[in-house]
């Protein structure tokens, strides 16, 4: 099942306090970037983020879910209505996220 543009727009609006949030559509889903680093994405109308230590600490009870078959498990963000929390989450995750790969 592909994600809806409406859900993407809702998440982007929730993340609007942060600068430099971008996305890329990929096979009916959306990869989300924060300051050029992949932070997670929208998969089947679920907001999933990379499973990094800071995200686990902020969401200790978050279930691990597969964004798609064959992918690494990601953390499901359940508190998507809380803008302050989402801002804190992405800011905390940023230092742990890998730098973007250089294009050849």
Protein backbone atom coordinates (compact mmCIF):
# COMPACT_ATOMS: atom_id res chain seq x y z
CA UNK A 1 0.00 0.00 0.00
CA UNK A 2 1.41 3.38 -0.96
CA UNK A 3 1.41 6.35 1.37
CA UNK A 4 -0.96 9.24 0.77
CA UNK A 5 0.22 12.71 -0.17
CA UNK A 6 -2.10 13.98 2.58
CA UNK A 7 -0.23 12.05 5.29
CA UNK A 8 3.11 13.29 3.94
CA UNK A 9 1.82 16.87 4.04
CA UNK A 10 0.57 16.36 7.62
CA UNK A 11 3.99 15.10 8.77
CA UNK A 12 5.78 17.91 6.93
CA UNK A 13 3.51 20.43 8.65
CA UNK A 14 4.27 18.82 12.02
CA UNK A 15 7.99 19.14 11.26
CA UNK A 16 7.66 22.76 10.06
CA UNK A 17 9.45 24.23 13.14
CA UNK A 18 12.61 22.57 11.78
CA UNK A 19 14.49 24.10 8.88
CA UNK A 20 15.76 22.10 5.94
CA UNK A 21 13.26 19.22 5.91
CA UNK A 22 13.04 17.73 2.44
CA UNK A 23 11.65 14.54 0.95
CA UNK A 24 12.00 12.33 -2.06
CA UNK A 25 9.20 10.19 -3.48
CA UNK A 26 10.27 6.60 -3.99
CA UNK A 27 7.96 3.81 -5.20
CA UNK A 28 4.83 5.26 -3.61
CA UNK A 29 6.57 6.08 -0.32
CA UNK A 30 8.56 9.12 0.87
CA UNK A 31 12.09 9.33 2.25
CA UNK A 32 12.53 12.24 4.67
CA UNK A 33 15.75 14.24 4.97
CA UNK A 34 16.82 16.60 7.75
CA UNK A 35 19.70 18.91 6.83
CA UNK A 36 20.60 16.54 4.00
CA UNK A 37 20.69 13.36 6.10
CA UNK A 38 18.10 10.58 5.81
CA UNK A 39 16.13 10.56 9.07
CA UNK A 40 13.38 8.13 8.08
CA UNK A 41 10.32 8.17 5.92
CA UNK A 42 6.64 7.72 5.34
CA UNK A 43 5.80 4.08 4.63
CA UNK A 44 2.20 2.84 4.36
CA UNK A 45 1.07 6.08 6.06
CA UNK A 46 3.38 5.44 9.03
CA UNK A 47 6.18 7.80 10.11
CA UNK A 48 9.25 5.60 10.67
CA UNK A 49 12.67 6.84 11.75
CA UNK A 50 16.09 5.23 11.75
CA UNK A 51 16.81 3.05 14.75
CA UNK A 52 19.55 5.12 16.42
CA UNK A 53 20.35 5.38 20.13
CA UNK A 54 18.84 8.84 20.69
CA UNK A 55 15.55 7.79 19.05
CA UNK A 56 15.40 4.65 21.21
CA UNK A 57 16.01 6.76 24.32
CA UNK A 58 13.24 9.23 23.43
CA UNK A 59 10.82 6.46 22.40
CA UNK A 60 11.72 3.45 24.59
CA UNK A 61 8.41 1.68 23.87
CA UNK A 62 8.32 2.37 20.13
CA UNK A 63 7.74 -0.77 18.08
CA UNK A 64 10.28 -1.77 15.45
CA UNK A 65 8.63 -2.13 12.05
CA UNK A 66 9.73 -2.94 8.53
CA UNK A 67 9.22 -0.08 6.09
CA UNK A 68 9.13 -2.66 3.25
CA UNK A 69 10.16 -6.26 2.69
CA UNK A 70 13.92 -6.77 2.99
CA UNK A 71 14.63 -3.43 4.72
CA UNK A 72 16.15 -2.79 8.14
CA UNK A 73 13.70 -2.34 10.96
CA UNK A 74 12.83 1.23 11.87
CA UNK A 75 11.14 2.84 14.87
CA UNK A 76 7.47 3.75 14.53
CA UNK A 77 6.78 7.31 15.67
CA UNK A 78 3.38 7.13 17.35
CA UNK A 79 3.23 10.65 18.83
CA UNK A 80 2.95 12.43 15.47
CA UNK A 81 0.56 15.06 16.86
CA UNK A 82 3.24 16.47 19.20
CA UNK A 83 5.30 19.01 17.21
CA UNK A 84 7.62 19.78 20.12
CA UNK A 85 8.42 16.09 20.51
CA UNK A 86 9.04 15.61 16.78
CA UNK A 87 11.37 18.60 16.74
CA UNK A 88 13.27 17.25 19.76
CA UNK A 89 13.45 13.78 18.20
CA UNK A 90 14.96 14.89 14.89
CA UNK A 91 17.37 17.33 16.56
CA UNK A 92 18.57 14.54 18.89
CA UNK A 93 18.96 12.06 16.03
CA UNK A 94 20.86 14.35 13.67
CA UNK A 95 24.39 13.89 15.10
CA UNK A 96 24.02 10.09 14.92
CA UNK A 97 22.84 9.93 11.32
CA UNK A 98 25.40 9.08 8.65
CA UNK A 99 26.53 11.82 6.29
CA UNK A 100 25.04 11.67 2.81
CA UNK A 101 26.99 9.59 0.32
CA UNK A 102 28.97 11.55 -2.22
CA UNK A 103 27.54 11.37 -5.73
CA UNK A 104 29.93 10.03 -8.34
